[in-house]
Amino acid sequence: MKRYVLVEKMRQTPHSLQMHEITIEHGKGLIILGPVEERREDIALPRRVMEKILKATERRELEQPEPSL
């Protein structure tokens, strides 16, 4: 498993869209290994898939009975 960090841009500040691979080591904490060639879009689920997951979650929540008091 690989972990990545991507710092989101703040208003009107220069920024990099590049992700960096990280690791967490006992006694050291978070260590930045360096930039990677992949983009966020390369490893994220497509929007259509995410929308299907959200719709399925909403349907499941609507089907669950309300807890009785």
N, C-alpha and C. Protein backbone atom coordinates (compact mmCIF):
# COMPACT_ATOMS: atom_id res chain seq x y z
N MET A 1 0.84 -1.17 0.00
CA MET A 1 0.00 0.00 0.00
C MET A 1 0.89 1.24 0.00
N LYS A 2 0.53 2.18 -0.83
CA LYS A 2 1.27 3.44 -0.88
C LYS A 2 0.39 4.55 -0.34
N ARG A 3 1.02 5.51 0.30
CA ARG A 3 0.30 6.67 0.83
C ARG A 3 0.82 7.91 0.13
N TYR A 4 -0.10 8.84 -0.11
CA TYR A 4 0.28 10.08 -0.79
C TYR A 4 -0.25 11.27 -0.01
N VAL A 5 0.41 12.40 -0.22
CA VAL A 5 -0.08 13.65 0.34
C VAL A 5 -0.14 14.66 -0.80
N LEU A 6 -1.21 15.44 -0.80
CA LEU A 6 -1.40 16.50 -1.78
C LEU A 6 -1.92 17.69 -1.01
N VAL A 7 -1.18 18.78 -1.03
CA VAL A 7 -1.57 19.97 -0.29
C VAL A 7 -2.50 20.79 -1.18
N GLU A 8 -3.71 21.02 -0.71
CA GLU A 8 -4.68 21.80 -1.48
C GLU A 8 -4.27 23.26 -1.48
N LYS A 9 -4.61 23.94 -2.55
CA LYS A 9 -4.23 25.33 -2.75
C LYS A 9 -5.07 26.26 -1.88
N MET A 10 -4.42 27.29 -1.35
CA MET A 10 -5.13 28.37 -0.68
C MET A 10 -5.32 29.50 -1.69
N ARG A 11 -6.25 30.35 -1.44
CA ARG A 11 -6.55 31.44 -2.38
C ARG A 11 -5.33 32.28 -2.70
N GLN A 12 -5.17 32.57 -3.96
CA GLN A 12 -4.17 33.50 -4.47
C GLN A 12 -2.76 33.17 -3.99
N THR A 13 -2.43 31.89 -3.95
CA THR A 13 -1.08 31.48 -3.59
C THR A 13 -0.54 30.56 -4.67
N PRO A 14 0.75 30.66 -4.96
CA PRO A 14 1.32 29.71 -5.91
C PRO A 14 1.31 28.32 -5.29
N HIS A 15 1.17 27.30 -6.12
CA HIS A 15 1.08 25.94 -5.57
C HIS A 15 1.53 24.91 -6.60
N SER A 16 1.74 23.73 -6.10
CA SER A 16 2.10 22.60 -6.93
C SER A 16 0.96 21.60 -6.88
N LEU A 17 0.62 21.03 -8.02
CA LEU A 17 -0.42 20.00 -8.05
C LEU A 17 0.18 18.61 -7.92
N GLN A 18 1.46 18.52 -7.69
CA GLN A 18 2.15 17.24 -7.64
C GLN A 18 1.92 16.54 -6.30
N MET A 19 1.65 15.24 -6.37
CA MET A 19 1.51 14.44 -5.16
C MET A 19 2.89 13.98 -4.72
N HIS A 20 3.01 13.74 -3.42
CA HIS A 20 4.26 13.23 -2.86
C HIS A 20 3.95 11.94 -2.11
N GLU A 21 4.79 10.94 -2.30
CA GLU A 21 4.62 9.69 -1.57
C GLU A 21 5.15 9.88 -0.16
N ILE A 22 4.42 9.31 0.81
CA ILE A 22 4.83 9.42 2.20
C ILE A 22 4.86 8.03 2.83
N THR A 23 5.54 7.95 3.94
CA THR A 23 5.52 6.75 4.76
C THR A 23 5.47 7.21 6.21
N ILE A 24 5.06 6.31 7.08
CA ILE A 24 5.02 6.62 8.51
C ILE A 24 5.89 5.58 9.20
N GLU A 25 6.90 6.06 9.92
CA GLU A 25 7.82 5.15 10.60
C GLU A 25 7.75 5.38 12.10
N HIS A 26 7.76 4.28 12.82
CA HIS A 26 7.74 4.33 14.28
C HIS A 26 8.96 5.10 14.78
N GLY A 27 8.74 6.04 15.65
CA GLY A 27 9.83 6.82 16.21
C GLY A 27 10.25 8.02 15.38
N LYS A 28 9.82 8.06 14.12
CA LYS A 28 10.18 9.17 13.25
C LYS A 28 8.96 9.98 12.83
N GLY A 29 7.84 9.30 12.63
CA GLY A 29 6.63 9.99 12.19
C GLY A 29 6.47 9.95 10.68
N LEU A 30 5.88 10.99 10.13
CA LEU A 30 5.60 11.07 8.70
C LEU A 30 6.87 11.46 7.96
N ILE A 31 7.21 10.70 6.94
CA ILE A 31 8.40 10.96 6.13
C ILE A 31 7.97 11.13 4.69
N ILE A 32 8.36 12.25 4.08
CA ILE A 32 8.05 12.50 2.68
C ILE A 32 9.14 11.86 1.83
N LEU A 33 8.74 10.88 1.00
CA LEU A 33 9.70 10.15 0.17
C LEU A 33 10.05 10.91 -1.10
N GLY A 34 9.14 11.75 -1.56
CA GLY A 34 9.41 12.54 -2.75
C GLY A 34 8.23 12.58 -3.69
N PRO A 35 8.33 13.40 -4.72
CA PRO A 35 7.24 13.53 -5.68
C PRO A 35 7.07 12.27 -6.52
N VAL A 36 5.85 12.05 -6.99
CA VAL A 36 5.55 10.91 -7.85
C VAL A 36 5.05 11.42 -9.19
N GLU A 37 5.13 10.57 -10.21
CA GLU A 37 4.68 10.97 -11.54
C GLU A 37 3.17 10.93 -11.68
N GLU A 38 2.50 10.08 -10.87
CA GLU A 38 1.05 9.97 -10.98
C GLU A 38 0.38 11.26 -10.53
N ARG A 39 -0.79 11.49 -11.12
CA ARG A 39 -1.61 12.63 -10.71
C ARG A 39 -2.75 12.12 -9.85
N ARG A 40 -3.40 13.01 -9.16
CA ARG A 40 -4.54 12.63 -8.33
C ARG A 40 -5.59 11.92 -9.17
N GLU A 41 -5.80 12.41 -10.37
CA GLU A 41 -6.81 11.84 -11.26
C GLU A 41 -6.45 10.41 -11.68
N ASP A 42 -5.17 10.07 -11.65
CA ASP A 42 -4.74 8.74 -12.07
C ASP A 42 -5.12 7.66 -11.06
N ILE A 43 -5.25 8.04 -9.79
CA ILE A 43 -5.52 7.03 -8.76
C ILE A 43 -6.89 7.17 -8.12
N ALA A 44 -7.60 8.26 -8.39
CA ALA A 44 -8.93 8.46 -7.82
C ALA A 44 -9.97 7.72 -8.66
N LEU A 45 -11.09 7.39 -8.04
CA LEU A 45 -12.17 6.76 -8.77
C LEU A 45 -12.82 7.77 -9.71
N PRO A 46 -13.27 7.33 -10.87
CA PRO A 46 -13.96 8.25 -11.78
C PRO A 46 -15.23 8.81 -11.14
N ARG A 47 -15.61 10.01 -11.54
CA ARG A 47 -16.77 10.70 -10.98
C ARG A 47 -18.03 9.84 -11.09
N ARG A 48 -18.22 9.18 -12.22
CA ARG A 48 -19.42 8.35 -12.42
C ARG A 48 -19.49 7.23 -11.38
N VAL A 49 -18.36 6.64 -11.08
CA VAL A 49 -18.32 5.56 -10.09
C VAL A 49 -18.64 6.11 -8.70
N MET A 50 -18.06 7.26 -8.36
CA MET A 50 -18.33 7.88 -7.06
C MET A 50 -19.81 8.23 -6.91
N GLU A 51 -20.42 8.73 -7.99
CA GLU A 51 -21.84 9.06 -7.94
C GLU A 51 -22.69 7.82 -7.69
N LYS A 52 -22.34 6.70 -8.32
CA LYS A 52 -23.07 5.45 -8.10
C LYS A 52 -22.94 4.98 -6.66
N ILE A 53 -21.75 5.12 -6.09
CA ILE A 53 -21.53 4.72 -4.69
C ILE A 53 -22.38 5.59 -3.77
N LEU A 54 -22.41 6.89 -4.02
CA LEU A 54 -23.21 7.80 -3.19
C LEU A 54 -24.69 7.49 -3.29
N LYS A 55 -25.18 7.23 -4.49
CA LYS A 55 -26.60 6.90 -4.67
C LYS A 55 -26.96 5.61 -3.94
N ALA A 56 -26.10 4.61 -4.04
CA ALA A 56 -26.35 3.34 -3.36
C ALA A 56 -26.38 3.53 -1.85
N THR A 57 -25.49 4.36 -1.34
CA THR A 57 -25.45 4.64 0.10
C THR A 57 -26.73 5.34 0.54
N GLU A 58 -27.18 6.32 -0.24
CA GLU A 58 -28.42 7.03 0.08
C GLU A 58 -29.61 6.09 0.07
N ARG A 59 -29.69 5.21 -0.94
CA ARG A 59 -30.80 4.24 -1.02
C ARG A 59 -30.79 3.32 0.20
N ARG A 60 -29.62 2.86 0.57
CA ARG A 60 -29.50 1.96 1.72
C ARG A 60 -29.96 2.66 2.99
N GLU A 61 -29.60 3.93 3.16
CA GLU A 61 -30.01 4.67 4.35
C GLU A 61 -31.52 4.87 4.38
N LEU A 62 -32.13 5.09 3.22
CA LEU A 62 -33.58 5.27 3.16
C LEU A 62 -34.32 3.98 3.46
N GLU A 63 -33.73 2.85 3.15
CA GLU A 63 -34.36 1.55 3.37
C GLU A 63 -34.31 1.11 4.83
N GLN A 64 -33.38 1.64 5.60
CA GLN A 64 -33.23 1.24 6.99
C GLN A 64 -34.37 1.83 7.82
N PRO A 65 -34.98 1.00 8.66
CA PRO A 65 -36.07 1.51 9.51
C PRO A 65 -35.52 2.47 10.58
N GLU A 66 -36.37 3.43 10.95
CA GLU A 66 -36.00 4.37 12.00
C GLU A 66 -35.93 3.62 13.33
N PRO A 67 -34.95 3.95 14.17
CA PRO A 67 -34.89 3.30 15.48
C PRO A 67 -36.08 3.72 16.35
N SER A 68 -36.69 2.75 17.01
CA SER A 68 -37.85 3.07 17.86
C SER A 68 -37.36 3.54 19.22
N LEU A 69 -38.10 4.48 19.77
CA LEU A 69 -37.72 5.05 21.08
C LEU A 69 -38.42 4.35 22.20
